[in-house]
C-alpha atoms as a PDB file:
ATOM      1  CA  UNK A   1     159.371 126.090 194.992  1.00  0.00           C
ATOM      2  CA  UNK A   2     160.057 128.766 192.374  1.00  0.00           C
ATOM      3  CA  UNK A   3     158.273 126.643 189.813  1.00  0.00           C
ATOM      4  CA  UNK A   4     155.216 126.527 192.007  1.00  0.00           C
ATOM      5  CA  UNK A   5     155.218 130.306 192.453  1.00  0.00           C
ATOM      6  CA  UNK A   6     155.674 130.723 188.714  1.00  0.00           C
ATOM      7  CA  UNK A   7     152.681 128.400 188.102  1.00  0.00           C
ATOM      8  CA  UNK A   8     150.516 130.458 190.505  1.00  0.00           C
ATOM      9  CA  UNK A   9     151.597 133.697 188.828  1.00  0.00           C
ATOM     10  CA  UNK A  10     150.793 132.280 185.369  1.00  0.00           C
ATOM     11  CA  UNK A  11     147.416 130.922 186.579  1.00  0.00           C
ATOM     12  CA  UNK A  12     146.640 134.323 188.157  1.00  0.00           C
ATOM     13  CA  UNK A  13     147.602 136.097 184.914  1.00  0.00           C
ATOM     14  CA  UNK A  14     145.370 133.704 182.946  1.00  0.00           C
ATOM     15  CA  UNK A  15     142.457 134.352 185.325  1.00  0.00           C
ATOM     16  CA  UNK A  16     142.984 138.141 185.030  1.00  0.00           C
ATOM     17  CA  UNK A  17     143.239 137.852 181.228  1.00  0.00           C
ATOM     18  CA  UNK A  18     140.021 135.764 181.117  1.00  0.00           C
ATOM     19  CA  UNK A  19     138.247 138.327 183.338  1.00  0.00           C
ATOM     20  CA  UNK A  20     139.457 141.156 181.088  1.00  0.00           C
ATOM     21  CA  UNK A  21     138.294 139.342 177.925  1.00  0.00           C
ATOM     22  CA  UNK A  22     134.927 138.626 179.576  1.00  0.00           C
ATOM     23  CA  UNK A  23     134.601 142.337 180.471  1.00  0.00           C
ATOM     24  CA  UNK A  24     135.381 143.366 176.887  1.00  0.00           C
ATOM     25  CA  UNK A  25     132.813 140.847 175.605  1.00  0.00           C
ATOM     26  CA  UNK A  26     130.200 142.146 178.059  1.00  0.00           C
ATOM     27  CA  UNK A  27     130.859 145.776 177.040  1.00  0.00           C
ATOM     28  CA  UNK A  28     130.615 144.808 173.367  1.00  0.00           C
ATOM     29  CA  UNK A  29     127.284 143.063 174.032  1.00  0.00           C
ATOM     30  CA  UNK A  30     125.945 146.132 175.844  1.00  0.00           C
ATOM     31  CA  UNK A  31     127.057 148.378 172.973  1.00  0.00           C
ATOM     32  CA  UNK A  32     125.463 146.030 170.401  1.00  0.00           C
ATOM     33  CA  UNK A  33     122.162 146.124 172.312  1.00  0.00           C
ATOM     34  CA  UNK A  34     122.351 149.910 172.509  1.00  0.00           C
ATOM     35  CA  UNK A  35     123.065 150.101 168.773  1.00  0.00           C
ATOM     36  CA  UNK A  36     120.094 147.826 168.020  1.00  0.00           C
ATOM     37  CA  UNK A  37     117.866 150.017 170.194  1.00  0.00           C
ATOM     38  CA  UNK A  38     119.035 153.190 168.438  1.00  0.00           C
ATOM     39  CA  UNK A  39     118.523 151.605 165.006  1.00  0.00           C
ATOM     40  CA  UNK A  40     114.988 150.659 166.038  1.00  0.00           C
ATOM     41  CA  UNK A  41     114.317 154.233 167.156  1.00  0.00           C
ATOM     42  CA  UNK A  42     115.691 155.574 163.877  1.00  0.00           C
ATOM     43  CA  UNK A  43     113.474 153.153 161.930  1.00  0.00           C
ATOM     44  CA  UNK A  44     110.404 154.230 163.937  1.00  0.00           C
ATOM     45  CA  UNK A  45     111.225 157.915 163.387  1.00  0.00           C
ATOM     46  CA  UNK A  46     111.622 157.345 159.647  1.00  0.00           C
ATOM     47  CA  UNK A  47     108.260 155.589 159.593  1.00  0.00           C
ATOM     48  CA  UNK A  48     106.710 158.517 161.479  1.00  0.00           C
ATOM     49  CA  UNK A  49     108.268 160.986 159.037  1.00  0.00           C
ATOM     50  CA  UNK A  50     106.898 158.999 156.101  1.00  0.00           C
ATOM     51  CA  UNK A  51     103.437 158.917 157.707  1.00  0.00           C
ATOM     52  CA  UNK A  52     103.564 162.668 158.379  1.00  0.00           C
ATOM     53  CA  UNK A  53     104.631 163.358 154.794  1.00  0.00           C
ATOM     54  CA  UNK A  54     101.713 161.260 153.538  1.00  0.00           C
ATOM     55  CA  UNK A  55      99.360 163.130 155.867  1.00  0.00           C
ATOM     56  CA  UNK A  56     100.791 166.453 154.668  1.00  0.00           C
ATOM     57  CA  UNK A  57     100.149 165.339 151.107  1.00  0.00           C
ATOM     58  CA  UNK A  58      96.501 164.758 152.009  1.00  0.00           C
ATOM     59  CA  UNK A  59      96.200 168.118 153.768  1.00  0.00           C
ATOM     60  CA  UNK A  60      97.974 169.953 150.935  1.00  0.00           C
ATOM     61  CA  UNK A  61      95.704 168.494 148.249  1.00  0.00           C
ATOM     62  CA  UNK A  62      94.327 171.391 146.141  1.00  0.00           C
ATOM     63  CA  UNK A  63      90.927 169.718 145.801  1.00  0.00           C
ATOM     64  CA  UNK A  64      90.617 169.511 149.603  1.00  0.00           C
ATOM     65  CA  UNK A  65      91.657 173.139 150.018  1.00  0.00           C
ATOM     66  CA  UNK A  66      89.169 174.199 147.350  1.00  0.00           C
ATOM     67  CA  UNK A  67      86.361 172.302 149.084  1.00  0.00           C
ATOM     68  CA  UNK A  68      87.269 173.927 152.426  1.00  0.00           C
ATOM     69  CA  UNK A  69      87.383 177.360 150.812  1.00  0.00           C
ATOM     70  CA  UNK A  70      83.937 176.830 149.272  1.00  0.00           C
ATOM     71  CA  UNK A  71      82.528 175.619 152.587  1.00  0.00           C
ATOM     72  CA  UNK A  72      84.000 178.221 154.960  1.00  0.00           C
ATOM     73  CA  UNK A  73      84.851 181.253 152.820  1.00  0.00           C
ATOM     74  CA  UNK A  74      81.962 182.931 151.118  1.00  0.00           C
ATOM     75  CA  UNK A  75      83.943 183.997 148.062  1.00  0.00           C
ATOM     76  CA  UNK A  76      82.421 184.908 144.756  1.00  0.00           C
ATOM     77  CA  UNK A  77      83.692 182.977 141.752  1.00  0.00           C
ATOM     78  CA  UNK A  78      85.975 184.780 139.333  1.00  0.00           C
ATOM     79  CA  UNK A  79      84.247 185.674 136.102  1.00  0.00           C
ATOM     80  CA  UNK A  80      86.040 186.478 132.845  1.00  0.00           C
ATOM     81  CA  UNK A  81      84.558 189.977 132.722  1.00  0.00           C
ATOM     82  CA  UNK A  82      86.688 190.944 135.736  1.00  0.00           C
ATOM     83  CA  UNK A  83      89.823 190.936 133.600  1.00  0.00           C
ATOM     84  CA  UNK A  84      90.723 193.331 130.841  1.00  0.00           C
ATOM     85  CA  UNK A  85      93.591 193.799 128.421  1.00  0.00           C
ATOM     86  CA  UNK A  86      96.613 195.793 129.576  1.00  0.00           C
ATOM     87  CA  UNK A  87      96.259 198.290 126.732  1.00  0.00           C
ATOM     88  CA  UNK A  88      92.930 199.424 128.196  1.00  0.00           C
ATOM     89  CA  UNK A  89      94.447 200.478 131.534  1.00  0.00           C
ATOM     90  CA  UNK A  90      94.040 204.159 132.377  1.00  0.00           C
ATOM     91  CA  UNK A  91      97.037 206.456 132.054  1.00  0.00           C
ATOM     92  CA  UNK A  92      99.240 206.995 135.059  1.00  0.00           C
ATOM     93  CA  UNK A  93      98.224 210.061 137.095  1.00  0.00           C
ATOM     94  CA  UNK A  94     100.557 213.040 136.565  1.00  0.00           C
ATOM     95  CA  UNK A  95     101.490 213.246 140.268  1.00  0.00           C
ATOM     96  CA  UNK A  96     103.458 209.972 139.939  1.00  0.00           C
ATOM     97  CA  UNK A  97     105.549 211.190 137.015  1.00  0.00           C
ATOM     98  CA  UNK A  98     108.506 212.995 138.566  1.00  0.00           C
ATOM     99  CA  UNK A  99     111.699 212.247 136.640  1.00  0.00           C
ATOM    100  CA  UNK A 100     113.871 214.381 138.930  1.00  0.00           C
ATOM    101  CA  UNK A 101     112.820 212.468 142.050  1.00  0.00           C
ATOM    102  CA  UNK A 102     115.470 210.240 143.627  1.00  0.00           C
ATOM    103  CA  UNK A 103     112.872 207.983 145.224  1.00  0.00           C
ATOM    104  CA  UNK A 104     109.925 207.454 142.838  1.00  0.00           C
ATOM    105  CA  UNK A 105     108.494 204.645 144.958  1.00  0.00           C
ATOM    106  CA  UNK A 106     108.527 206.873 148.042  1.00  0.00           C
ATOM    107  CA  UNK A 107     106.636 209.547 146.109  1.00  0.00           C
ATOM    108  CA  UNK A 108     104.059 206.957 145.065  1.00  0.00           C
ATOM    109  CA  UNK A 109     103.616 205.765 148.656  1.00  0.00           C
ATOM    110  CA  UNK A 110     103.172 209.303 149.944  1.00  0.00           C
ATOM    111  CA  UNK A 111     100.472 210.112 147.387  1.00  0.00           C
ATOM    112  CA  UNK A 112      98.422 206.907 147.675  1.00  0.00           C
ATOM    113  CA  UNK A 113      94.812 207.420 148.662  1.00  0.00           C
ATOM    114  CA  UNK A 114      93.446 205.299 151.500  1.00  0.00           C
ATOM    115  CA  UNK A 115      91.779 202.135 150.165  1.00  0.00           C
ATOM    116  CA  UNK A 116      88.189 201.376 150.961  1.00  0.00           C
ATOM    117  CA  UNK A 117      87.839 199.173 154.052  1.00  0.00           C
ATOM    118  CA  UNK A 118      85.802 196.460 152.341  1.00  0.00           C
ATOM    119  CA  UNK A 119      86.816 193.807 149.851  1.00  0.00           C
ATOM    120  CA  UNK A 120      84.970 192.829 146.723  1.00  0.00           C
ATOM    121  CA  UNK A 121      84.091 189.358 147.970  1.00  0.00           C
ATOM    122  CA  UNK A 122      82.629 190.048 151.415  1.00  0.00           C
ATOM    123  CA  UNK A 123      79.818 192.491 152.034  1.00  0.00           C
ATOM    124  CA  UNK A 124      80.503 195.122 154.689  1.00  0.00           C
ATOM    125  CA  UNK A 125      78.706 194.565 157.978  1.00  0.00           C
ATOM    126  CA  UNK A 126      75.368 196.294 158.240  1.00  0.00           C
ATOM    127  CA  UNK A 127      75.332 199.187 160.686  1.00  0.00           C
ATOM    128  CA  UNK A 128      73.478 198.333 163.853  1.00  0.00           C
ATOM    129  CA  UNK A 129      71.033 200.829 165.345  1.00  0.00           C
ATOM    130  CA  UNK A 130      72.197 202.535 168.500  1.00  0.00           C
ATOM    131  CA  UNK A 131      71.007 200.825 171.650  1.00  0.00           C
ATOM    132  CA  UNK A 132      68.503 203.179 173.375  1.00  0.00           C
ATOM    133  CA  UNK A 133      69.389 201.830 176.811  1.00  0.00           C
ATOM    134  CA  UNK A 134      72.923 203.234 176.710  1.00  0.00           C
END
């Protein structure tokens, strides 16, 4: 009788061990599928990054930017007569020369005249006549 009970205990232990091994195998299969899915996502993201870098290269092309600037910005071309040698610059105004000043840049900022509101490349807007109905 004890041998029979021992056989049932051993068979039960074998069944439990087989169930445990099957569970481990199932968990490993689930993890492998999850890993494959994540690797696929990583591959797709790398492909997207490569495509975006290629697209950025197209958008950042200097020839394209130059063509857009010519089409949408009415800029005048730079001519060589706009530049001059540094030795022909006018002398610094005397108000900027203060050797005893602790903050020469602050003095320069305080004495700067207001710049004109227009740029050299875009004509200022023409004044519109006053509306007589107002």
